[in-house]
């Protein structure tokens, strides 16, 4: 009962490392979530990542940028090729740039997709589904205090991208079904 109450107050807990081996369920209350069907679910902040560090792994290269995802919370990073400070590493640790969270992210346009514009900050933070011509993106107080209301956007290899409906903050989550689909595709190509 207590885990459900905590999830109701703070949002569901995510753990990207576990999603590789099992279904995408809340690691606190056990409720299945993060289906690739457009359903909206509220996830809370992973405080260990926020206050200590994220551990990122390389996901792909797209739209002139290299994309990474945190192995715990699914937080992505997107750096322009040629300006990527982590280009020579597959896995790395990175602390949050708190000044961007406080004063806003100075962003550049990455691409048009999914009915909106995708932006990235020099710190690597990305935002999707924003209107065109943005140079500064701030996290709304609602998301800072209560977490993010996320829904499926698209698949990228072994990852499913979700984005907050309020602020556009994306997340990249692995899933056993996505990994198995990739293995089947690899076997059929061989």
N, C-alpha and C. Protein backbone atom coordinates (compact mmCIF):
# COMPACT_ATOMS: atom_id res chain seq x y z
N UNK A 1 0.81 -1.20 0.00
CA UNK A 1 0.00 0.00 0.00
C UNK A 1 0.86 1.27 0.00
N UNK A 2 1.94 1.27 0.82
CA UNK A 2 2.81 2.44 0.90
C UNK A 2 3.49 2.73 -0.45
N UNK A 3 4.01 1.71 -1.16
CA UNK A 3 4.63 2.02 -2.47
C UNK A 3 3.65 2.67 -3.45
N UNK A 4 2.40 2.23 -3.46
CA UNK A 4 1.41 2.85 -4.36
C UNK A 4 1.14 4.30 -3.99
N UNK A 5 1.12 4.59 -2.69
CA UNK A 5 0.91 5.95 -2.23
C UNK A 5 2.10 6.84 -2.64
N UNK A 6 3.31 6.33 -2.48
CA UNK A 6 4.50 7.09 -2.87
C UNK A 6 4.47 7.36 -4.38
N UNK A 7 4.11 6.37 -5.17
CA UNK A 7 4.01 6.57 -6.62
C UNK A 7 2.92 7.58 -6.96
N UNK A 8 1.81 7.54 -6.26
CA UNK A 8 0.74 8.51 -6.50
C UNK A 8 1.23 9.93 -6.21
N UNK A 9 2.03 10.09 -5.13
CA UNK A 9 2.54 11.40 -4.76
C UNK A 9 3.68 11.88 -5.66
N UNK A 10 4.66 11.03 -5.96
CA UNK A 10 5.90 11.44 -6.62
C UNK A 10 6.06 10.93 -8.04
N UNK A 11 5.22 10.02 -8.48
CA UNK A 11 5.38 9.42 -9.81
C UNK A 11 6.07 8.08 -9.70
N UNK A 12 5.92 7.28 -10.73
CA UNK A 12 6.50 5.93 -10.75
C UNK A 12 8.01 5.99 -10.86
N UNK A 13 8.66 4.95 -10.33
CA UNK A 13 10.12 4.85 -10.36
C UNK A 13 10.54 4.04 -11.58
N UNK A 14 11.61 4.49 -12.24
CA UNK A 14 12.13 3.80 -13.42
C UNK A 14 13.53 3.28 -13.14
N UNK A 15 13.90 2.21 -13.84
CA UNK A 15 15.25 1.64 -13.71
C UNK A 15 15.60 0.98 -15.04
N UNK A 16 16.24 1.74 -15.91
CA UNK A 16 16.53 1.30 -17.27
C UNK A 16 17.31 -0.01 -17.31
N UNK A 17 18.23 -0.22 -16.38
CA UNK A 17 19.02 -1.46 -16.37
C UNK A 17 18.14 -2.70 -16.21
N UNK A 18 17.09 -2.60 -15.41
CA UNK A 18 16.20 -3.74 -15.19
C UNK A 18 15.31 -4.02 -16.38
N UNK A 19 14.99 -2.99 -17.17
CA UNK A 19 14.09 -3.16 -18.30
C UNK A 19 14.70 -4.04 -19.38
N UNK A 20 16.00 -4.18 -19.39
CA UNK A 20 16.65 -5.06 -20.36
C UNK A 20 16.31 -6.52 -20.10
N UNK A 21 16.13 -6.88 -18.82
CA UNK A 21 15.92 -8.28 -18.44
C UNK A 21 14.47 -8.63 -18.17
N UNK A 22 13.64 -7.64 -17.94
CA UNK A 22 12.25 -7.90 -17.57
C UNK A 22 11.36 -6.85 -18.21
N UNK A 23 10.09 -6.94 -17.94
CA UNK A 23 9.15 -5.96 -18.48
C UNK A 23 9.35 -4.60 -17.86
N UNK A 24 8.77 -3.60 -18.48
CA UNK A 24 8.90 -2.23 -17.99
C UNK A 24 7.82 -1.94 -16.95
N UNK A 25 8.10 -2.30 -15.71
CA UNK A 25 7.18 -2.04 -14.60
C UNK A 25 7.83 -1.06 -13.64
N UNK A 26 7.01 -0.39 -12.86
CA UNK A 26 7.51 0.52 -11.83
C UNK A 26 8.35 -0.29 -10.85
N UNK A 27 9.54 0.18 -10.56
CA UNK A 27 10.41 -0.55 -9.64
C UNK A 27 10.03 -0.33 -8.18
N UNK A 28 9.05 0.52 -7.93
CA UNK A 28 8.59 0.76 -6.56
C UNK A 28 7.31 -0.03 -6.27
N UNK A 29 6.27 0.16 -7.10
CA UNK A 29 4.98 -0.48 -6.82
C UNK A 29 4.71 -1.71 -7.69
N UNK A 30 5.51 -1.92 -8.72
CA UNK A 30 5.36 -3.11 -9.58
C UNK A 30 4.33 -2.98 -10.68
N UNK A 31 3.66 -1.84 -10.79
CA UNK A 31 2.63 -1.65 -11.81
C UNK A 31 3.27 -1.65 -13.20
N UNK A 32 2.75 -2.46 -14.14
CA UNK A 32 3.28 -2.41 -15.53
C UNK A 32 3.06 -1.03 -16.13
N UNK A 33 4.05 -0.55 -16.88
CA UNK A 33 3.94 0.78 -17.48
C UNK A 33 4.86 0.85 -18.68
N UNK A 34 4.96 2.00 -19.29
CA UNK A 34 5.85 2.27 -20.42
C UNK A 34 5.59 1.34 -21.60
N UNK A 35 4.33 1.23 -21.96
CA UNK A 35 3.99 0.49 -23.16
C UNK A 35 4.20 1.42 -24.36
N UNK A 36 4.54 0.85 -25.48
CA UNK A 36 4.78 1.64 -26.69
C UNK A 36 3.47 1.90 -27.43
N UNK A 37 2.46 2.40 -26.71
CA UNK A 37 1.14 2.57 -27.31
C UNK A 37 0.54 3.95 -27.13
N UNK A 38 1.28 4.90 -26.58
CA UNK A 38 0.75 6.25 -26.44
C UNK A 38 0.08 6.55 -25.12
N UNK A 39 -0.07 5.54 -24.23
CA UNK A 39 -0.66 5.79 -22.92
C UNK A 39 0.27 6.70 -22.11
N UNK A 40 -0.31 7.64 -21.38
CA UNK A 40 0.47 8.58 -20.58
C UNK A 40 0.64 8.01 -19.17
N UNK A 41 1.87 8.09 -18.67
CA UNK A 41 2.20 7.63 -17.32
C UNK A 41 3.08 8.69 -16.66
N UNK A 42 2.89 8.87 -15.35
CA UNK A 42 3.70 9.85 -14.63
C UNK A 42 4.88 9.16 -13.98
N UNK A 43 6.09 9.65 -14.28
CA UNK A 43 7.30 9.12 -13.67
C UNK A 43 7.94 10.20 -12.81
N UNK A 44 8.50 9.77 -11.70
CA UNK A 44 9.18 10.69 -10.80
C UNK A 44 10.63 10.86 -11.20
N UNK A 45 11.29 11.78 -10.53
CA UNK A 45 12.71 12.02 -10.78
C UNK A 45 13.55 10.94 -10.09
N UNK A 46 14.61 10.51 -10.73
CA UNK A 46 15.55 9.57 -10.13
C UNK A 46 16.60 10.41 -9.42
N UNK A 47 16.43 10.59 -8.11
CA UNK A 47 17.22 11.55 -7.35
C UNK A 47 18.71 11.20 -7.31
N UNK A 48 19.03 9.90 -7.33
CA UNK A 48 20.44 9.51 -7.36
C UNK A 48 21.14 10.04 -8.59
N UNK A 49 20.45 10.00 -9.72
CA UNK A 49 21.02 10.55 -10.96
C UNK A 49 21.11 12.07 -10.87
N UNK A 50 20.09 12.69 -10.32
CA UNK A 50 20.06 14.15 -10.28
C UNK A 50 21.10 14.71 -9.32
N UNK A 51 21.23 14.13 -8.15
CA UNK A 51 22.13 14.70 -7.15
C UNK A 51 23.56 14.14 -7.20
N UNK A 52 23.75 12.94 -7.74
CA UNK A 52 25.08 12.34 -7.76
C UNK A 52 25.63 12.38 -9.19
N UNK A 53 25.11 11.53 -10.08
CA UNK A 53 25.57 11.51 -11.47
C UNK A 53 24.70 10.57 -12.29
N UNK A 54 24.69 10.82 -13.58
CA UNK A 54 24.11 9.90 -14.55
C UNK A 54 25.25 9.05 -15.11
N UNK A 55 24.95 7.82 -15.51
CA UNK A 55 25.89 7.00 -16.25
C UNK A 55 25.28 6.77 -17.63
N UNK A 56 25.97 7.27 -18.66
CA UNK A 56 25.43 7.24 -20.01
C UNK A 56 26.10 6.20 -20.88
N UNK A 57 25.31 5.64 -21.80
CA UNK A 57 25.84 4.77 -22.85
C UNK A 57 25.39 5.32 -24.20
N UNK A 58 26.21 5.07 -25.21
CA UNK A 58 25.92 5.55 -26.56
C UNK A 58 24.72 4.80 -27.13
N UNK A 59 23.80 5.54 -27.76
CA UNK A 59 22.61 4.94 -28.37
C UNK A 59 22.75 4.91 -29.88
N UNK A 60 22.96 6.09 -30.50
CA UNK A 60 23.03 6.16 -31.96
C UNK A 60 23.59 7.51 -32.38
N UNK A 61 23.78 7.64 -33.66
CA UNK A 61 24.11 8.93 -34.25
C UNK A 61 22.98 9.27 -35.21
N UNK A 62 22.42 10.48 -35.05
CA UNK A 62 21.30 10.89 -35.90
C UNK A 62 21.27 12.40 -36.03
N UNK A 63 20.82 12.87 -37.15
CA UNK A 63 20.61 14.30 -37.40
C UNK A 63 21.84 15.14 -37.04
N UNK A 64 23.03 14.60 -37.33
CA UNK A 64 24.27 15.33 -37.06
C UNK A 64 24.63 15.41 -35.59
N UNK A 65 24.02 14.54 -34.77
CA UNK A 65 24.26 14.53 -33.33
C UNK A 65 24.49 13.09 -32.86
N UNK A 66 25.23 12.95 -31.76
CA UNK A 66 25.39 11.66 -31.10
C UNK A 66 24.46 11.64 -29.90
N UNK A 67 23.73 10.53 -29.77
CA UNK A 67 22.73 10.41 -28.70
C UNK A 67 23.18 9.37 -27.68
N UNK A 68 22.97 9.68 -26.42
CA UNK A 68 23.30 8.81 -25.30
C UNK A 68 22.07 8.68 -24.40
N UNK A 69 22.03 7.61 -23.56
CA UNK A 69 20.94 7.44 -22.60
C UNK A 69 21.52 6.98 -21.27
N UNK A 70 20.96 7.48 -20.18
CA UNK A 70 21.38 7.07 -18.84
C UNK A 70 20.93 5.63 -18.61
N UNK A 71 21.83 4.80 -18.10
CA UNK A 71 21.52 3.39 -17.89
C UNK A 71 20.55 3.18 -16.74
N UNK A 72 20.34 4.19 -15.90
CA UNK A 72 19.39 4.06 -14.78
C UNK A 72 18.05 4.74 -15.10
N UNK A 73 18.07 6.04 -15.37
CA UNK A 73 16.80 6.78 -15.46
C UNK A 73 16.32 7.02 -16.89
N UNK A 74 17.13 6.72 -17.90
CA UNK A 74 16.71 6.90 -19.29
C UNK A 74 16.88 8.31 -19.81
N UNK A 75 17.45 9.22 -19.02
CA UNK A 75 17.67 10.61 -19.45
C UNK A 75 18.62 10.60 -20.65
N UNK A 76 18.24 11.24 -21.76
CA UNK A 76 19.13 11.26 -22.93
C UNK A 76 20.04 12.49 -22.94
N UNK A 77 21.09 12.38 -23.71
CA UNK A 77 21.97 13.50 -24.05
C UNK A 77 22.10 13.52 -25.56
N UNK A 78 22.24 14.69 -26.12
CA UNK A 78 22.40 14.84 -27.56
C UNK A 78 23.45 15.92 -27.81
N UNK A 79 24.57 15.51 -28.41
CA UNK A 79 25.66 16.45 -28.70
C UNK A 79 25.91 16.49 -30.20
N UNK A 80 26.11 17.69 -30.73
CA UNK A 80 26.44 17.84 -32.14
C UNK A 80 27.76 17.14 -32.43
N UNK A 81 27.81 16.39 -33.53
CA UNK A 81 29.05 15.74 -33.94
C UNK A 81 30.09 16.83 -34.15
N UNK A 82 31.28 16.62 -33.63
CA UNK A 82 32.32 17.63 -33.69
C UNK A 82 32.38 18.48 -32.44
N UNK A 83 31.30 18.47 -31.64
CA UNK A 83 31.27 19.21 -30.37
C UNK A 83 30.89 18.28 -29.23
N UNK A 84 31.09 16.99 -29.43
CA UNK A 84 30.73 15.97 -28.45
C UNK A 84 31.92 15.71 -27.52
N UNK A 85 31.85 16.13 -26.26
CA UNK A 85 32.98 15.91 -25.36
C UNK A 85 33.18 14.45 -24.96
N UNK A 86 32.23 13.58 -25.31
CA UNK A 86 32.31 12.17 -24.93
C UNK A 86 32.44 11.25 -26.14
N UNK A 87 32.81 11.79 -27.28
CA UNK A 87 32.85 11.02 -28.53
C UNK A 87 33.78 9.81 -28.46
N UNK A 88 34.81 9.89 -27.63
CA UNK A 88 35.77 8.79 -27.56
C UNK A 88 35.41 7.75 -26.50
N UNK A 89 34.22 7.86 -25.89
CA UNK A 89 33.82 6.93 -24.83
C UNK A 89 32.49 6.27 -25.18
N UNK A 90 32.36 5.01 -24.82
CA UNK A 90 31.09 4.31 -25.00
C UNK A 90 30.19 4.50 -23.80
N UNK A 91 30.77 4.46 -22.59
CA UNK A 91 30.04 4.63 -21.33
C UNK A 91 30.80 5.66 -20.51
N UNK A 92 30.06 6.60 -19.89
CA UNK A 92 30.71 7.64 -19.09
C UNK A 92 29.74 8.17 -18.04
N UNK A 93 30.31 8.79 -17.02
CA UNK A 93 29.52 9.43 -15.96
C UNK A 93 29.48 10.92 -16.21
N UNK A 94 28.35 11.55 -15.88
CA UNK A 94 28.21 12.99 -16.05
C UNK A 94 27.26 13.52 -14.99
N UNK A 95 27.65 14.61 -14.37
CA UNK A 95 26.78 15.29 -13.40
C UNK A 95 25.82 16.22 -14.16
N UNK A 96 24.72 16.55 -13.51
CA UNK A 96 23.74 17.49 -14.04
C UNK A 96 24.34 18.89 -14.03
N UNK A 97 24.07 19.68 -15.08
CA UNK A 97 24.47 21.09 -15.08
C UNK A 97 23.31 21.87 -14.45
N UNK A 98 23.44 22.14 -13.16
CA UNK A 98 22.36 22.74 -12.39
C UNK A 98 22.00 24.15 -12.86
N UNK A 99 22.97 24.90 -13.37
CA UNK A 99 22.68 26.27 -13.82
C UNK A 99 21.67 26.28 -14.96
N UNK A 100 21.74 25.27 -15.85
CA UNK A 100 20.75 25.19 -16.93
C UNK A 100 19.36 24.95 -16.36
N UNK A 101 19.27 24.07 -15.37
CA UNK A 101 17.98 23.81 -14.76
C UNK A 101 17.41 25.03 -14.06
N UNK A 102 18.29 25.83 -13.50
CA UNK A 102 17.87 27.01 -12.76
C UNK A 102 17.49 28.18 -13.67
N UNK A 103 18.32 28.45 -14.67
CA UNK A 103 18.12 29.63 -15.53
C UNK A 103 17.56 29.31 -16.91
N UNK A 104 17.45 28.03 -17.25
CA UNK A 104 16.94 27.64 -18.55
C UNK A 104 18.05 27.10 -19.44
N UNK A 105 17.65 26.29 -20.39
CA UNK A 105 18.57 25.68 -21.33
C UNK A 105 18.65 26.55 -22.59
N UNK A 106 19.85 26.97 -22.97
CA UNK A 106 20.09 27.70 -24.22
C UNK A 106 20.19 26.62 -25.31
N UNK A 107 19.23 26.60 -26.20
CA UNK A 107 19.09 25.48 -27.13
C UNK A 107 19.33 25.89 -28.58
N UNK A 108 19.67 24.87 -29.37
CA UNK A 108 19.74 25.02 -30.82
C UNK A 108 18.81 23.97 -31.43
N UNK A 109 18.31 24.25 -32.62
CA UNK A 109 17.41 23.36 -33.34
C UNK A 109 18.17 22.14 -33.82
N UNK A 110 17.61 20.95 -33.61
CA UNK A 110 18.21 19.70 -34.08
C UNK A 110 17.50 19.24 -35.35
N UNK A 111 16.17 19.08 -35.27
CA UNK A 111 15.41 18.59 -36.42
C UNK A 111 13.91 18.80 -36.18
N UNK A 112 13.14 18.62 -37.23
CA UNK A 112 11.68 18.59 -37.13
C UNK A 112 11.29 17.12 -37.10
N UNK A 113 10.48 16.74 -36.12
CA UNK A 113 9.99 15.35 -36.07
C UNK A 113 8.81 15.25 -35.12
N UNK A 114 7.95 14.30 -35.40
CA UNK A 114 6.82 14.02 -34.52
C UNK A 114 5.89 15.19 -34.30
N UNK A 115 5.76 16.07 -35.26
CA UNK A 115 4.84 17.18 -35.12
C UNK A 115 5.39 18.38 -34.37
N UNK A 116 6.69 18.41 -34.16
CA UNK A 116 7.29 19.55 -33.46
C UNK A 116 8.77 19.64 -33.77
N UNK A 117 9.42 20.56 -33.10
CA UNK A 117 10.84 20.77 -33.29
C UNK A 117 11.60 20.18 -32.12
N UNK A 118 12.70 19.52 -32.41
CA UNK A 118 13.58 18.99 -31.36
C UNK A 118 14.72 19.96 -31.16
N UNK A 119 15.03 20.24 -29.89
CA UNK A 119 16.11 21.15 -29.52
C UNK A 119 17.10 20.43 -28.61
N UNK A 120 18.34 20.93 -28.58
CA UNK A 120 19.35 20.43 -27.65
C UNK A 120 20.12 21.61 -27.07
N UNK A 121 20.49 21.46 -25.82
CA UNK A 121 21.29 22.46 -25.11
C UNK A 121 22.76 22.04 -25.19
N UNK A 122 23.66 22.95 -24.96
CA UNK A 122 25.09 22.63 -24.92
C UNK A 122 25.43 21.62 -23.84
N UNK A 123 24.58 21.52 -22.80
CA UNK A 123 24.81 20.53 -21.74
C UNK A 123 24.38 19.14 -22.18
N UNK A 124 23.72 19.04 -23.35
CA UNK A 124 23.26 17.75 -23.87
C UNK A 124 21.78 17.49 -23.67
N UNK A 125 21.11 18.26 -22.83
CA UNK A 125 19.68 18.05 -22.56
C UNK A 125 18.89 18.33 -23.83
N UNK A 126 17.92 17.47 -24.11
CA UNK A 126 17.10 17.63 -25.31
C UNK A 126 15.65 17.88 -24.93
N UNK A 127 14.91 18.43 -25.88
CA UNK A 127 13.48 18.66 -25.73
C UNK A 127 12.84 18.38 -27.08
N UNK A 128 11.69 17.69 -27.07
CA UNK A 128 10.97 17.40 -28.31
C UNK A 128 9.57 18.00 -28.24
N UNK A 129 8.97 18.14 -29.42
CA UNK A 129 7.59 18.62 -29.55
C UNK A 129 7.40 20.06 -29.10
N UNK A 130 8.39 20.88 -29.26
CA UNK A 130 8.24 22.31 -28.95
C UNK A 130 7.96 23.06 -30.25
N UNK A 131 7.32 24.19 -30.14
CA UNK A 131 7.11 25.01 -31.34
C UNK A 131 8.45 25.52 -31.87
N UNK A 132 8.46 25.92 -33.11
CA UNK A 132 9.68 26.39 -33.76
C UNK A 132 10.17 27.69 -33.15
N UNK A 133 11.43 28.00 -33.43
CA UNK A 133 12.06 29.28 -33.08
C UNK A 133 12.24 29.48 -31.58
N UNK A 134 12.72 28.48 -30.88
CA UNK A 134 13.03 28.61 -29.46
C UNK A 134 14.54 28.78 -29.30
N UNK A 135 14.95 29.59 -28.35
CA UNK A 135 16.37 29.70 -28.01
C UNK A 135 16.61 29.39 -26.54
N UNK A 136 15.53 29.38 -25.74
CA UNK A 136 15.63 29.09 -24.32
C UNK A 136 14.45 28.21 -23.92
N UNK A 137 14.74 27.12 -23.23
CA UNK A 137 13.69 26.23 -22.74
C UNK A 137 13.88 26.06 -21.24
N UNK A 138 12.80 26.27 -20.50
CA UNK A 138 12.82 26.10 -19.05
C UNK A 138 11.92 24.93 -18.65
N UNK A 139 12.27 24.30 -17.55
CA UNK A 139 11.43 23.25 -17.00
C UNK A 139 10.28 23.89 -16.24
N UNK A 140 9.03 23.55 -16.58
CA UNK A 140 7.91 24.12 -15.83
C UNK A 140 7.91 23.62 -14.39
N UNK A 141 7.44 24.43 -13.47
CA UNK A 141 7.42 24.09 -12.05
C UNK A 141 6.65 22.79 -11.81
N UNK A 142 5.60 22.58 -12.57
CA UNK A 142 4.80 21.34 -12.45
C UNK A 142 5.67 20.12 -12.60
N UNK A 143 6.56 20.11 -13.61
CA UNK A 143 7.44 18.96 -13.85
C UNK A 143 8.55 18.87 -12.81
N UNK A 144 9.07 20.01 -12.39
CA UNK A 144 10.13 20.02 -11.38
C UNK A 144 9.62 19.40 -10.08
N UNK A 145 8.41 19.76 -9.67
CA UNK A 145 7.87 19.29 -8.39
C UNK A 145 7.22 17.92 -8.44
N UNK A 146 6.56 17.60 -9.55
CA UNK A 146 5.72 16.40 -9.59
C UNK A 146 6.20 15.30 -10.53
N UNK A 147 7.28 15.53 -11.27
CA UNK A 147 7.74 14.53 -12.23
C UNK A 147 7.22 14.84 -13.62
N UNK A 148 7.25 13.85 -14.49
CA UNK A 148 6.90 14.05 -15.90
C UNK A 148 5.77 13.11 -16.30
N UNK A 149 4.85 13.62 -17.13
CA UNK A 149 3.75 12.85 -17.71
C UNK A 149 4.21 12.45 -19.11
N UNK A 150 4.67 11.20 -19.27
CA UNK A 150 5.32 10.80 -20.51
C UNK A 150 4.46 9.84 -21.32
N UNK A 151 4.68 9.88 -22.63
CA UNK A 151 4.01 8.96 -23.55
C UNK A 151 5.00 8.60 -24.66
N UNK A 152 4.76 7.46 -25.27
CA UNK A 152 5.62 6.94 -26.33
C UNK A 152 5.70 7.89 -27.52
N UNK A 153 6.92 8.04 -28.06
CA UNK A 153 7.14 8.86 -29.26
C UNK A 153 7.53 7.97 -30.43
N UNK A 154 8.66 7.24 -30.31
CA UNK A 154 9.12 6.37 -31.40
C UNK A 154 10.16 5.39 -30.88
N UNK A 155 10.40 4.34 -31.68
CA UNK A 155 11.45 3.35 -31.37
C UNK A 155 12.74 3.75 -32.06
N UNK A 156 13.86 3.53 -31.36
CA UNK A 156 15.19 3.71 -31.92
C UNK A 156 16.03 2.52 -31.49
N UNK A 157 16.14 1.51 -32.37
CA UNK A 157 16.91 0.32 -32.03
C UNK A 157 16.32 -0.37 -30.81
N UNK A 158 17.15 -0.62 -29.80
CA UNK A 158 16.73 -1.30 -28.58
C UNK A 158 16.03 -0.36 -27.61
N UNK A 159 15.84 0.89 -27.98
CA UNK A 159 15.26 1.89 -27.09
C UNK A 159 13.90 2.35 -27.60
N UNK A 160 13.05 2.71 -26.66
CA UNK A 160 11.80 3.39 -26.96
C UNK A 160 11.91 4.79 -26.38
N UNK A 161 11.57 5.79 -27.21
CA UNK A 161 11.61 7.16 -26.73
C UNK A 161 10.24 7.55 -26.21
N UNK A 162 10.24 8.19 -25.06
CA UNK A 162 9.04 8.77 -24.45
C UNK A 162 9.33 10.23 -24.25
N UNK A 163 8.29 11.07 -24.22
CA UNK A 163 8.49 12.50 -23.97
C UNK A 163 7.38 13.00 -23.06
N UNK A 164 7.76 13.96 -22.21
CA UNK A 164 6.79 14.57 -21.30
C UNK A 164 5.81 15.43 -22.11
N UNK A 165 4.54 15.27 -21.85
CA UNK A 165 3.51 16.03 -22.53
C UNK A 165 3.49 17.49 -22.10
N UNK A 166 4.07 17.79 -20.93
CA UNK A 166 4.06 19.16 -20.42
C UNK A 166 5.28 19.96 -20.89
N UNK A 167 6.48 19.36 -20.83
CA UNK A 167 7.69 20.14 -21.10
C UNK A 167 8.52 19.63 -22.28
N UNK A 168 8.20 18.46 -22.81
CA UNK A 168 8.96 17.94 -23.94
C UNK A 168 10.22 17.19 -23.56
N UNK A 169 10.48 16.99 -22.26
CA UNK A 169 11.67 16.26 -21.80
C UNK A 169 11.56 14.82 -22.29
N UNK A 170 12.53 14.35 -23.08
CA UNK A 170 12.48 12.97 -23.56
C UNK A 170 13.18 12.00 -22.60
N UNK A 171 12.87 10.73 -22.76
CA UNK A 171 13.52 9.64 -22.04
C UNK A 171 13.71 8.51 -23.03
N UNK A 172 14.77 7.73 -22.87
CA UNK A 172 15.03 6.56 -23.69
C UNK A 172 15.07 5.34 -22.79
N UNK A 173 14.11 4.42 -22.99
CA UNK A 173 14.03 3.23 -22.15
C UNK A 173 14.25 1.98 -22.98
N UNK A 174 15.06 1.08 -22.44
CA UNK A 174 15.24 -0.23 -23.06
C UNK A 174 14.08 -1.11 -22.64
N UNK A 175 13.89 -2.17 -23.40
CA UNK A 175 12.86 -3.12 -23.04
C UNK A 175 13.21 -4.49 -23.56
N UNK A 176 12.85 -5.52 -22.80
CA UNK A 176 13.14 -6.88 -23.22
C UNK A 176 12.52 -7.17 -24.58
N UNK A 177 11.31 -6.65 -24.84
CA UNK A 177 10.65 -6.89 -26.13
C UNK A 177 11.41 -6.19 -27.25
N UNK A 178 11.93 -5.00 -27.00
CA UNK A 178 12.68 -4.28 -28.02
C UNK A 178 13.99 -4.99 -28.32
N UNK A 179 14.64 -5.49 -27.29
CA UNK A 179 15.90 -6.20 -27.48
C UNK A 179 15.66 -7.49 -28.23
N UNK A 180 14.61 -8.23 -27.88
CA UNK A 180 14.30 -9.47 -28.58
C UNK A 180 13.95 -9.20 -30.04
N UNK A 181 13.23 -8.11 -30.32
CA UNK A 181 12.90 -7.76 -31.71
C UNK A 181 14.17 -7.48 -32.50
N UNK A 182 15.14 -6.81 -31.88
CA UNK A 182 16.41 -6.53 -32.55
C UNK A 182 17.18 -7.81 -32.81
N UNK A 183 17.17 -8.74 -31.87
CA UNK A 183 17.86 -10.03 -32.05
C UNK A 183 17.22 -10.81 -33.21
N UNK A 184 15.88 -10.80 -33.26
CA UNK A 184 15.19 -11.51 -34.35
C UNK A 184 15.54 -10.89 -35.69
N UNK A 185 15.60 -9.55 -35.75
CA UNK A 185 15.95 -8.86 -36.98
C UNK A 185 17.39 -9.19 -37.40
N UNK A 186 18.30 -9.27 -36.41
CA UNK A 186 19.68 -9.62 -36.72
C UNK A 186 19.79 -11.04 -37.25
N UNK A 187 19.01 -11.98 -36.66
CA UNK A 187 19.05 -13.38 -37.12
C UNK A 187 18.48 -13.50 -38.53
N UNK A 188 17.41 -12.75 -38.81
CA UNK A 188 16.80 -12.86 -40.15
C UNK A 188 17.68 -12.21 -41.21
N UNK A 189 18.48 -11.22 -40.83
CA UNK A 189 19.39 -10.57 -41.79
C UNK A 189 20.59 -11.44 -42.08
N UNK A 190 20.92 -12.34 -41.17
CA UNK A 190 22.12 -13.19 -41.34
C UNK A 190 21.93 -14.29 -42.33
